[in-house]
């Protein structure tokens, strides 16, 4: 059985998004952070897993 590894921030940000503590725009900023410093944010794929939407750069 395969397990999917997520970024360190994934579960925290997913929980905050589900409680409406943060927005999609906030999550997009975490993708930008991850692009600059891998492992410090979330990936574009994780953004999609959390929001259900494709990540698009602003």
Foldseek 3Di string as FASTA:
>chain_A
DDDDDFQPCLVVVLVCVVVVVDDLVVLLVQCVVCVVPPSRGGHQVSSCVSPVDGDDDD
